Amino acid sequence: MAKKKEELDEETLALIHWCIEVEGFLVAGGATLAQAQEHIEDEVEWFTDQFYDGLTPEEAAKEALA
């Protein structure tokens, strides 16, 4: 029997899209795409806090690169 596809809520989708934008700024700041993705995965709690604190993706990337 096929598994039912799990739907993500709007808040989770917003966080995912926000992280994708952060990834772009990390790459623009000199990271490779793989490095940016790995860093976001390794620091997912920190990035989630930044999202809920209202930082823009650019601000979060600058903090991460500092």
PDB file of N, CA and C in Angstrom:
ATOM      1  N   MET A   1       0.841  -1.180   0.000  1.00  0.00           N
ATOM      2  CA  MET A   1       0.000   0.000   0.000  1.00  0.00           C
ATOM      3  C   MET A   1       0.885   1.242   0.000  1.00  0.00           C
ATOM      4  N   ALA A   2       0.530   2.224  -0.796  1.00  0.00           N
ATOM      5  CA  ALA A   2       1.329   3.450  -0.917  1.00  0.00           C
ATOM      6  C   ALA A   2       1.157   4.322   0.318  1.00  0.00           C
ATOM      7  N   LYS A   3       2.248   4.965   0.684  1.00  0.00           N
ATOM      8  CA  LYS A   3       2.191   5.897   1.806  1.00  0.00           C
ATOM      9  C   LYS A   3       1.483   7.167   1.384  1.00  0.00           C
ATOM     10  N   LYS A   4       0.716   7.733   2.290  1.00  0.00           N
ATOM     11  CA  LYS A   4       0.070   9.010   2.018  1.00  0.00           C
ATOM     12  C   LYS A   4       1.122  10.108   2.151  1.00  0.00           C
ATOM     13  N   LYS A   5       1.175  10.989   1.168  1.00  0.00           N
ATOM     14  CA  LYS A   5       2.157  12.070   1.177  1.00  0.00           C
ATOM     15  C   LYS A   5       1.837  13.037   2.315  1.00  0.00           C
ATOM     16  N   GLU A   6       2.853  13.330   3.125  1.00  0.00           N
ATOM     17  CA  GLU A   6       2.669  14.221   4.264  1.00  0.00           C
ATOM     18  C   GLU A   6       2.675  15.671   3.801  1.00  0.00           C
ATOM     19  N   GLU A   7       1.691  16.410   4.236  1.00  0.00           N
ATOM     20  CA  GLU A   7       1.592  17.833   3.906  1.00  0.00           C
ATOM     21  C   GLU A   7       2.349  18.648   4.957  1.00  0.00           C
ATOM     22  N   LEU A   8       3.105  19.630   4.505  1.00  0.00           N
ATOM     23  CA  LEU A   8       3.804  20.526   5.424  1.00  0.00           C
ATOM     24  C   LEU A   8       2.924  21.751   5.674  1.00  0.00           C
ATOM     25  N   ASP A   9       2.948  22.228   6.918  1.00  0.00           N
ATOM     26  CA  ASP A   9       2.152  23.410   7.230  1.00  0.00           C
ATOM     27  C   ASP A   9       2.827  24.666   6.671  1.00  0.00           C
ATOM     28  N   GLU A  10       2.083  25.744   6.629  1.00  0.00           N
ATOM     29  CA  GLU A  10       2.585  26.997   6.035  1.00  0.00           C
ATOM     30  C   GLU A  10       3.836  27.507   6.731  1.00  0.00           C
ATOM     31  N   GLU A  11       3.878  27.393   8.047  1.00  0.00           N
ATOM     32  CA  GLU A  11       5.031  27.881   8.811  1.00  0.00           C
ATOM     33  C   GLU A  11       6.294  27.099   8.457  1.00  0.00           C
ATOM     34  N   THR A  12       6.164  25.788   8.343  1.00  0.00           N
ATOM     35  CA  THR A  12       7.307  24.956   7.980  1.00  0.00           C
ATOM     36  C   THR A  12       7.775  25.283   6.566  1.00  0.00           C
ATOM     37  N   LEU A  13       6.836  25.444   5.653  1.00  0.00           N
ATOM     38  CA  LEU A  13       7.197  25.810   4.280  1.00  0.00           C
ATOM     39  C   LEU A  13       7.901  27.163   4.240  1.00  0.00           C
ATOM     40  N   ALA A  14       7.421  28.116   5.037  1.00  0.00           N
ATOM     41  CA  ALA A  14       8.052  29.441   5.083  1.00  0.00           C
ATOM     42  C   ALA A  14       9.491  29.325   5.582  1.00  0.00           C
ATOM     43  N   LEU A  15       9.711  28.506   6.600  1.00  0.00           N
ATOM     44  CA  LEU A  15      11.066  28.299   7.129  1.00  0.00           C
ATOM     45  C   LEU A  15      11.972  27.666   6.078  1.00  0.00           C
ATOM     46  N   ILE A  16      11.465  26.681   5.354  1.00  0.00           N
ATOM     47  CA  ILE A  16      12.256  26.030   4.303  1.00  0.00           C
ATOM     48  C   ILE A  16      12.642  27.035   3.224  1.00  0.00           C
ATOM     49  N   HIS A  17      11.694  27.830   2.781  1.00  0.00           N
ATOM     50  CA  HIS A  17      11.988  28.833   1.748  1.00  0.00           C
ATOM     51  C   HIS A  17      12.959  29.890   2.268  1.00  0.00           C
ATOM     52  N   TRP A  18      12.831  30.257   3.516  1.00  0.00           N
ATOM     53  CA  TRP A  18      13.744  31.216   4.149  1.00  0.00           C
ATOM     54  C   TRP A  18      15.163  30.642   4.148  1.00  0.00           C
ATOM     55  N   CYS A  19      15.307  29.365   4.504  1.00  0.00           N
ATOM     56  CA  CYS A  19      16.626  28.724   4.522  1.00  0.00           C
ATOM     57  C   CYS A  19      17.228  28.650   3.121  1.00  0.00           C
ATOM     58  N   ILE A  20      16.391  28.437   2.124  1.00  0.00           N
ATOM     59  CA  ILE A  20      16.878  28.425   0.745  1.00  0.00           C
ATOM     60  C   ILE A  20      17.441  29.802   0.380  1.00  0.00           C
ATOM     61  N   GLU A  21      16.779  30.846   0.835  1.00  0.00           N
ATOM     62  CA  GLU A  21      17.295  32.203   0.576  1.00  0.00           C
ATOM     63  C   GLU A  21      18.603  32.433   1.326  1.00  0.00           C
ATOM     64  N   VAL A  22      18.673  31.979   2.577  1.00  0.00           N
ATOM     65  CA  VAL A  22      19.915  32.103   3.357  1.00  0.00           C
ATOM     66  C   VAL A  22      21.050  31.395   2.620  1.00  0.00           C
ATOM     67  N   GLU A  23      20.762  30.221   2.115  1.00  0.00           N
ATOM     68  CA  GLU A  23      21.753  29.445   1.363  1.00  0.00           C
ATOM     69  C   GLU A  23      22.349  30.275   0.230  1.00  0.00           C
ATOM     70  N   GLY A  24      21.510  30.987  -0.489  1.00  0.00           N
ATOM     71  CA  GLY A  24      21.988  31.831  -1.581  1.00  0.00           C
ATOM     72  C   GLY A  24      22.930  32.918  -1.097  1.00  0.00           C
ATOM     73  N   PHE A  25      22.615  33.520   0.045  1.00  0.00           N
ATOM     74  CA  PHE A  25      23.491  34.562   0.592  1.00  0.00           C
ATOM     75  C   PHE A  25      24.802  33.974   1.108  1.00  0.00           C
ATOM     76  N   LEU A  26      24.757  32.760   1.656  1.00  0.00           N
ATOM     77  CA  LEU A  26      25.999  32.113   2.088  1.00  0.00           C
ATOM     78  C   LEU A  26      26.900  31.836   0.893  1.00  0.00           C
ATOM     79  N   VAL A  27      26.304  31.386  -0.204  1.00  0.00           N
ATOM     80  CA  VAL A  27      27.075  31.140  -1.426  1.00  0.00           C
ATOM     81  C   VAL A  27      27.645  32.459  -1.957  1.00  0.00           C
ATOM     82  N   ALA A  28      26.845  33.509  -1.941  1.00  0.00           N
ATOM     83  CA  ALA A  28      27.324  34.824  -2.389  1.00  0.00           C
ATOM     84  C   ALA A  28      28.467  35.315  -1.505  1.00  0.00           C
ATOM     85  N   GLY A  29      28.481  34.868  -0.245  1.00  0.00           N
ATOM     86  CA  GLY A  29      29.525  35.266   0.688  1.00  0.00           C
ATOM     87  C   GLY A  29      30.785  34.420   0.584  1.00  0.00           C
ATOM     88  N   GLY A  30      30.800  33.439  -0.321  1.00  0.00           N
ATOM     89  CA  GLY A  30      32.016  32.679  -0.553  1.00  0.00           C
ATOM     90  C   GLY A  30      31.929  31.188  -0.279  1.00  0.00           C
ATOM     91  N   ALA A  31      30.840  30.722   0.292  1.00  0.00           N
ATOM     92  CA  ALA A  31      30.706  29.289   0.551  1.00  0.00           C
ATOM     93  C   ALA A  31      30.304  28.569  -0.737  1.00  0.00           C
ATOM     94  N   THR A  32      30.656  27.299  -0.831  1.00  0.00           N
ATOM     95  CA  THR A  32      30.135  26.504  -1.933  1.00  0.00           C
ATOM     96  C   THR A  32      28.702  26.127  -1.568  1.00  0.00           C
ATOM     97  N   LEU A  33      27.944  25.679  -2.554  1.00  0.00           N
ATOM     98  CA  LEU A  33      26.574  25.263  -2.284  1.00  0.00           C
ATOM     99  C   LEU A  33      26.551  24.131  -1.262  1.00  0.00           C
ATOM    100  N   ALA A  34      27.448  23.180  -1.401  1.00  0.00           N
ATOM    101  CA  ALA A  34      27.512  22.051  -0.463  1.00  0.00           C
ATOM    102  C   ALA A  34      27.854  22.528   0.950  1.00  0.00           C
ATOM    103  N   GLN A  35      28.788  23.476   1.063  1.00  0.00           N
ATOM    104  CA  GLN A  35      29.146  24.013   2.376  1.00  0.00           C
ATOM    105  C   GLN A  35      27.961  24.749   3.005  1.00  0.00           C
ATOM    106  N   ALA A  36      27.261  25.531   2.201  1.00  0.00           N
ATOM    107  CA  ALA A  36      26.106  26.280   2.707  1.00  0.00           C
ATOM    108  C   ALA A  36      25.031  25.330   3.203  1.00  0.00           C
ATOM    109  N   GLN A  37      24.737  24.303   2.418  1.00  0.00           N
ATOM    110  CA  GLN A  37      23.716  23.328   2.818  1.00  0.00           C
ATOM    111  C   GLN A  37      24.118  22.587   4.085  1.00  0.00           C
ATOM    112  N   GLU A  38      25.364  22.179   4.157  1.00  0.00           N
ATOM    113  CA  GLU A  38      25.851  21.460   5.332  1.00  0.00           C
ATOM    114  C   GLU A  38      25.793  22.339   6.577  1.00  0.00           C
ATOM    115  N   HIS A  39      26.169  23.594   6.429  1.00  0.00           N
ATOM    116  CA  HIS A  39      26.157  24.506   7.575  1.00  0.00           C
ATOM    117  C   HIS A  39      24.727  24.709   8.086  1.00  0.00           C
ATOM    118  N   ILE A  40      23.791  24.899   7.174  1.00  0.00           N
ATOM    119  CA  ILE A  40      22.392  25.075   7.583  1.00  0.00           C
ATOM    120  C   ILE A  40      21.892  23.809   8.278  1.00  0.00           C
ATOM    121  N   GLU A  41      22.221  22.641   7.741  1.00  0.00           N
ATOM    122  CA  GLU A  41      21.806  21.384   8.369  1.00  0.00           C
ATOM    123  C   GLU A  41      22.435  21.213   9.746  1.00  0.00           C
ATOM    124  N   ASP A  42      23.729  21.543   9.869  1.00  0.00           N
ATOM    125  CA  ASP A  42      24.427  21.393  11.146  1.00  0.00           C
ATOM    126  C   ASP A  42      23.913  22.371  12.198  1.00  0.00           C
ATOM    127  N   GLU A  43      23.484  23.540  11.760  1.00  0.00           N
ATOM    128  CA  GLU A  43      23.063  24.597  12.682  1.00  0.00           C
ATOM    129  C   GLU A  43      21.567  24.900  12.548  1.00  0.00           C
ATOM    130  N   VAL A  44      20.784  23.871  12.255  1.00  0.00           N
ATOM    131  CA  VAL A  44      19.366  24.084  11.969  1.00  0.00           C
ATOM    132  C   VAL A  44      18.633  24.766  13.130  1.00  0.00           C
ATOM    133  N   GLU A  45      18.974  24.441  14.360  1.00  0.00           N
ATOM    134  CA  GLU A  45      18.308  25.081  15.497  1.00  0.00           C
ATOM    135  C   GLU A  45      18.630  26.569  15.546  1.00  0.00           C
ATOM    136  N   TRP A  46      19.885  26.922  15.301  1.00  0.00           N
ATOM    137  CA  TRP A  46      20.283  28.326  15.315  1.00  0.00           C
ATOM    138  C   TRP A  46      19.549  29.092  14.212  1.00  0.00           C
ATOM    139  N   PHE A  47      19.524  28.528  13.007  1.00  0.00           N
ATOM    140  CA  PHE A  47      18.841  29.189  11.895  1.00  0.00           C
ATOM    141  C   PHE A  47      17.341  29.300  12.151  1.00  0.00           C
ATOM    142  N   THR A  48      16.756  28.274  12.754  1.00  0.00           N
ATOM    143  CA  THR A  48      15.327  28.332  13.087  1.00  0.00           C
ATOM    144  C   THR A  48      15.063  29.470  14.071  1.00  0.00           C
ATOM    145  N   ASP A  49      15.938  29.624  15.054  1.00  0.00           N
ATOM    146  CA  ASP A  49      15.797  30.743  16.002  1.00  0.00           C
ATOM    147  C   ASP A  49      15.875  32.083  15.277  1.00  0.00           C
ATOM    148  N   GLN A  50      16.805  32.195  14.331  1.00  0.00           N
ATOM    149  CA  GLN A  50      16.951  33.456  13.590  1.00  0.00           C
ATOM    150  C   GLN A  50      15.683  33.747  12.778  1.00  0.00           C
ATOM    151  N   PHE A  51      15.096  32.723  12.203  1.00  0.00           N
ATOM    152  CA  PHE A  51      13.845  32.861  11.448  1.00  0.00           C
ATOM    153  C   PHE A  51      12.746  33.406  12.355  1.00  0.00           C
ATOM    154  N   TYR A  52      12.595  32.789  13.528  1.00  0.00           N
ATOM    155  CA  TYR A  52      11.534  33.212  14.443  1.00  0.00           C
ATOM    156  C   TYR A  52      11.843  34.551  15.110  1.00  0.00           C
ATOM    157  N   ASP A  53      13.120  34.918  15.157  1.00  0.00           N
ATOM    158  CA  ASP A  53      13.490  36.236  15.693  1.00  0.00           C
ATOM    159  C   ASP A  53      13.266  37.343  14.669  1.00  0.00           C
ATOM    160  N   GLY A  54      12.909  36.964  13.445  1.00  0.00           N
ATOM    161  CA  GLY A  54      12.565  37.951  12.425  1.00  0.00           C
ATOM    162  C   GLY A  54      13.722  38.437  11.567  1.00  0.00           C
ATOM    163  N   LEU A  55      14.867  37.768  11.629  1.00  0.00           N
ATOM    164  CA  LEU A  55      15.971  38.176  10.768  1.00  0.00           C
ATOM    165  C   LEU A  55      15.640  37.878   9.311  1.00  0.00           C
ATOM    166  N   THR A  56      16.119  38.720   8.439  1.00  0.00           N
ATOM    167  CA  THR A  56      15.975  38.440   7.015  1.00  0.00           C
ATOM    168  C   THR A  56      16.990  37.357   6.665  1.00  0.00           C
ATOM    169  N   PRO A  57      16.800  36.669   5.547  1.00  0.00           N
ATOM    170  CA  PRO A  57      17.805  35.689   5.138  1.00  0.00           C
ATOM    171  C   PRO A  57      19.200  36.300   5.001  1.00  0.00           C
ATOM    172  N   GLU A  58      19.271  37.519   4.490  1.00  0.00           N
ATOM    173  CA  GLU A  58      20.568  38.179   4.341  1.00  0.00           C
ATOM    174  C   GLU A  58      21.210  38.451   5.694  1.00  0.00           C
ATOM    175  N   GLU A  59      20.415  38.925   6.661  1.00  0.00           N
ATOM    176  CA  GLU A  59      20.947  39.187   7.999  1.00  0.00           C
ATOM    177  C   GLU A  59      21.450  37.896   8.661  1.00  0.00           C
ATOM    178  N   ALA A  60      20.688  36.833   8.522  1.00  0.00           N
ATOM    179  CA  ALA A  60      21.085  35.544   9.115  1.00  0.00           C
ATOM    180  C   ALA A  60      22.379  35.039   8.476  1.00  0.00           C
ATOM    181  N   ALA A  61      22.495  35.181   7.159  1.00  0.00           N
ATOM    182  CA  ALA A  61      23.721  34.737   6.486  1.00  0.00           C
ATOM    183  C   ALA A  61      24.915  35.560   6.957  1.00  0.00           C
ATOM    184  N   LYS A  62      24.734  36.866   7.103  1.00  0.00           N
ATOM    185  CA  LYS A  62      25.833  37.718   7.584  1.00  0.00           C
ATOM    186  C   LYS A  62      26.264  37.285   8.982  1.00  0.00           C
ATOM    187  N   GLU A  63      25.287  36.985   9.853  1.00  0.00           N
ATOM    188  CA  GLU A  63      25.616  36.516  11.203  1.00  0.00           C
ATOM    189  C   GLU A  63      26.367  35.191  11.143  1.00  0.00           C
ATOM    190  N   ALA A  64      25.940  34.309  10.266  1.00  0.00           N
ATOM    191  CA  ALA A  64      26.577  32.998  10.140  1.00  0.00           C
ATOM    192  C   ALA A  64      28.000  33.114   9.600  1.00  0.00           C
ATOM    193  N   LEU A  65      28.240  34.086   8.735  1.00  0.00           N
ATOM    194  CA  LEU A  65      29.568  34.263   8.148  1.00  0.00           C
ATOM    195  C   LEU A  65      30.509  35.073   9.032  1.00  0.00           C
ATOM    196  N   ALA A  66      29.963  35.694  10.056  1.00  0.00           N
ATOM    197  CA  ALA A  66      30.784  36.559  10.927  1.00  0.00           C
ATOM    198  C   ALA A  66      31.698  35.741  11.827  1.00  0.00           C
TER     199      ALA A  66
END
